[in-house]
Structures are given as structure tokens and as C-alpha cells.
Amino acid sequence: MVNKCTSSKRSATVFPRNMKILHNLGENIMLAMKRRKITQEMMFSRTGISKPTLRKITKGDPSVSIGHYVNVLAVLNLLDDLSKVALDDEFGRKLQDIELLSKKR
């Protein structure tokens, strides 16, 4: 099943495997809030994100902008985790190495 996000501006097709990753992200955010005893009201006052949007974030809803996710992660002091995404591009390096080796010949 493919989830089609609907919005008045545009929509994104998110495949099931990727939805699982978003769901896990939302769950991790919810757990981080609970560990830190940060309520929805506290998160709203620190980010300005509405409670319905925050609920969508904790469910990993792909229709929420990445900017909102960034604001929530910043409040949780987890924004550095986002900077690690695609940092170690092992597959890209392998492709580059193959290209470099084939040019030598």
C-alpha cells in the first residue's frame, strides 16, 4: 500500500517501507518527549507547533514539513542526529571508486 499525502499545494508518494521509517521516527520523538517529561503544551510554547501537527509528528506523518520536525528535534536537543543523515555515504563512495578505477584502465 502506498500512502499518498494530500495537501492543497502538492503531495508526496511514500512507499510502505519508508512509511515504517517515518512511523519509527515519530515513535522515537514521542518517547524522547516522555523521557524528558515534555508535554504537548510545553512543546507548543517552545515551537509554536499546534497540537494536531505535533500529534502528526509523533505518528510520523509525511505531510508535516521537515521544518516542523527540525523544530521539535531542536527542543529535544536531538537536532545533531539529523545532521548525521547521509553523512557516511558508503554506497556513493563505492560507485565513485568503481568509476575512478575504470578511468585508470
C-alpha atoms as a PDB file:
ATOM      1  CA  MET A   1       0.000   0.000   0.000  1.00  0.00           C
ATOM      2  CA  VAL A   2       1.383   3.392  -0.990  1.00  0.00           C
ATOM      3  CA  ASN A   3       0.483   6.381   1.165  1.00  0.00           C
ATOM      4  CA  LYS A   4      -0.362   9.464  -0.853  1.00  0.00           C
ATOM      5  CA  CYS A   5      -0.042  12.616   1.248  1.00  0.00           C
ATOM      6  CA  THR A   6      -2.634  15.161   0.349  1.00  0.00           C
ATOM      7  CA  SER A   7      -2.140  18.866   0.507  1.00  0.00           C
ATOM      8  CA  SER A   8      -3.588  21.797  -1.349  1.00  0.00           C
ATOM      9  CA  LYS A   9      -0.141  22.574  -2.770  1.00  0.00           C
ATOM     10  CA  ARG A  10       1.378  19.187  -3.558  1.00  0.00           C
ATOM     11  CA  SER A  11       1.534  15.599  -2.458  1.00  0.00           C
ATOM     12  CA  ALA A  12       4.246  13.037  -1.933  1.00  0.00           C
ATOM     13  CA  THR A  13       4.114   9.332  -2.579  1.00  0.00           C
ATOM     14  CA  VAL A  14       5.603   7.470   0.364  1.00  0.00           C
ATOM     15  CA  PHE A  15       6.156   3.751  -0.028  1.00  0.00           C
ATOM     16  CA  PRO A  16       5.370   1.321   2.825  1.00  0.00           C
ATOM     17  CA  ARG A  17       8.995   0.684   3.802  1.00  0.00           C
ATOM     18  CA  ASN A  18       9.580   4.432   4.052  1.00  0.00           C
ATOM     19  CA  MET A  19       6.339   4.908   5.997  1.00  0.00           C
ATOM     20  CA  LYS A  20       7.691   2.436   8.555  1.00  0.00           C
ATOM     21  CA  ILE A  21      10.804   4.596   8.955  1.00  0.00           C
ATOM     22  CA  LEU A  22       8.680   7.723   9.420  1.00  0.00           C
ATOM     23  CA  HIS A  23       6.488   5.874  11.914  1.00  0.00           C
ATOM     24  CA  ASN A  24       9.595   4.849  13.873  1.00  0.00           C
ATOM     25  CA  LEU A  25      10.852   8.448  13.822  1.00  0.00           C
ATOM     26  CA  GLY A  26       7.541   9.655  15.213  1.00  0.00           C
ATOM     27  CA  GLU A  27       7.605   6.999  17.899  1.00  0.00           C
ATOM     28  CA  ASN A  28      11.182   7.933  18.843  1.00  0.00           C
ATOM     29  CA  ILE A  29      10.183  11.590  19.105  1.00  0.00           C
ATOM     30  CA  MET A  30       7.226  10.693  21.320  1.00  0.00           C
ATOM     31  CA  LEU A  31       9.451   8.565  23.578  1.00  0.00           C
ATOM     32  CA  ALA A  32      12.060  11.352  23.781  1.00  0.00           C
ATOM     33  CA  MET A  33       9.338  13.792  24.853  1.00  0.00           C
ATOM     34  CA  LYS A  34       8.122  11.381  27.525  1.00  0.00           C
ATOM     35  CA  ARG A  35      11.649  10.707  28.815  1.00  0.00           C
ATOM     36  CA  ARG A  36      12.213  14.448  29.141  1.00  0.00           C
ATOM     37  CA  LYS A  37       8.718  14.972  30.580  1.00  0.00           C
ATOM     38  CA  ILE A  38       7.919  17.486  27.837  1.00  0.00           C
ATOM     39  CA  THR A  39       4.176  17.803  27.367  1.00  0.00           C
ATOM     40  CA  GLN A  40       2.377  18.828  24.195  1.00  0.00           C
ATOM     41  CA  GLU A  41       1.678  22.197  25.826  1.00  0.00           C
ATOM     42  CA  MET A  42       5.355  22.704  26.583  1.00  0.00           C
ATOM     43  CA  MET A  43       6.317  21.741  23.029  1.00  0.00           C
ATOM     44  CA  PHE A  44       3.712  24.139  21.661  1.00  0.00           C
ATOM     45  CA  SER A  45       5.031  27.002  23.781  1.00  0.00           C
ATOM     46  CA  ARG A  46       8.621  26.291  22.676  1.00  0.00           C
ATOM     47  CA  THR A  47       7.954  25.724  18.971  1.00  0.00           C
ATOM     48  CA  GLY A  48       4.580  27.253  18.145  1.00  0.00           C
ATOM     49  CA  ILE A  49       3.565  23.961  16.539  1.00  0.00           C
ATOM     50  CA  SER A  50      -0.113  23.187  17.029  1.00  0.00           C
ATOM     51  CA  LYS A  51      -1.208  20.110  18.972  1.00  0.00           C
ATOM     52  CA  PRO A  52      -2.704  18.443  15.873  1.00  0.00           C
ATOM     53  CA  THR A  53       0.578  18.935  13.983  1.00  0.00           C
ATOM     54  CA  LEU A  54       2.561  17.649  16.946  1.00  0.00           C
ATOM     55  CA  ARG A  55       0.337  14.555  17.048  1.00  0.00           C
ATOM     56  CA  LYS A  56       1.054  14.034  13.352  1.00  0.00           C
ATOM     57  CA  ILE A  57       4.785  14.306  14.059  1.00  0.00           C
ATOM     58  CA  THR A  58       4.603  11.682  16.805  1.00  0.00           C
ATOM     59  CA  LYS A  59       2.857   9.394  14.316  1.00  0.00           C
ATOM     60  CA  GLY A  60       5.467  10.037  11.619  1.00  0.00           C
ATOM     61  CA  ASP A  61       3.025  11.720   9.262  1.00  0.00           C
ATOM     62  CA  PRO A  62       4.783  12.544   5.961  1.00  0.00           C
ATOM     63  CA  SER A  63       2.523  15.536   5.307  1.00  0.00           C
ATOM     64  CA  VAL A  64       4.241  17.547   8.063  1.00  0.00           C
ATOM     65  CA  SER A  65       7.048  19.776   6.828  1.00  0.00           C
ATOM     66  CA  ILE A  66      10.583  18.829   7.710  1.00  0.00           C
ATOM     67  CA  GLY A  67      10.903  22.265   9.310  1.00  0.00           C
ATOM     68  CA  HIS A  68       8.406  21.255  11.996  1.00  0.00           C
ATOM     69  CA  TYR A  69      10.339  18.043  12.626  1.00  0.00           C
ATOM     70  CA  VAL A  70      13.520  20.144  12.926  1.00  0.00           C
ATOM     71  CA  ASN A  71      11.920  22.465  15.484  1.00  0.00           C
ATOM     72  CA  VAL A  72      10.755  19.540  17.620  1.00  0.00           C
ATOM     73  CA  LEU A  73      14.145  17.806  17.416  1.00  0.00           C
ATOM     74  CA  ALA A  74      15.827  21.079  18.435  1.00  0.00           C
ATOM     75  CA  VAL A  75      13.672  21.338  21.566  1.00  0.00           C
ATOM     76  CA  LEU A  76      14.570  17.740  22.387  1.00  0.00           C
ATOM     77  CA  ASN A  77      18.267  18.530  21.844  1.00  0.00           C
ATOM     78  CA  LEU A  78      18.367  15.868  19.127  1.00  0.00           C
ATOM     79  CA  LEU A  79      18.945  18.070  16.085  1.00  0.00           C
ATOM     80  CA  ASP A  80      22.533  16.838  15.740  1.00  0.00           C
ATOM     81  CA  ASP A  81      21.093  13.406  14.915  1.00  0.00           C
ATOM     82  CA  LEU A  82      19.594  14.894  11.755  1.00  0.00           C
ATOM     83  CA  SER A  83      22.959  16.206  10.621  1.00  0.00           C
ATOM     84  CA  LYS A  84      24.223  12.613  10.550  1.00  0.00           C
ATOM     85  CA  VAL A  85      21.773  11.597   7.821  1.00  0.00           C
ATOM     86  CA  ALA A  86      23.693  10.648   4.661  1.00  0.00           C
ATOM     87  CA  LEU A  87      26.951  11.674   6.323  1.00  0.00           C
ATOM     88  CA  ASP A  88      28.620   8.338   5.671  1.00  0.00           C
ATOM     89  CA  ASP A  89      27.669   7.629   2.051  1.00  0.00           C
ATOM     90  CA  GLU A  90      29.302   4.220   1.708  1.00  0.00           C
ATOM     91  CA  PHE A  91      27.348   3.277  -1.409  1.00  0.00           C
ATOM     92  CA  GLY A  92      28.154   6.588  -3.127  1.00  0.00           C
ATOM     93  CA  ARG A  93      31.851   6.150  -2.372  1.00  0.00           C
ATOM     94  CA  LYS A  94      31.796   2.637  -3.834  1.00  0.00           C
ATOM     95  CA  LEU A  95      30.200   3.944  -7.026  1.00  0.00           C
ATOM     96  CA  GLN A  96      32.782   6.707  -7.192  1.00  0.00           C
ATOM     97  CA  ASP A  97      35.627   4.233  -6.629  1.00  0.00           C
ATOM     98  CA  ILE A  98      34.341   1.994  -9.430  1.00  0.00           C
ATOM     99  CA  GLU A  99      34.271   4.985 -11.771  1.00  0.00           C
ATOM    100  CA  LEU A 100      37.747   6.068 -10.739  1.00  0.00           C
ATOM    101  CA  LEU A 101      39.159   2.577 -11.211  1.00  0.00           C
ATOM    102  CA  SER A 102      37.578   2.212 -14.645  1.00  0.00           C
ATOM    103  CA  LYS A 103      39.119   5.542 -15.785  1.00  0.00           C
ATOM    104  CA  LYS A 104      42.616   4.300 -14.879  1.00  0.00           C
ATOM    105  CA  ARG A 105      42.455   1.456 -17.373  1.00  0.00           C
END
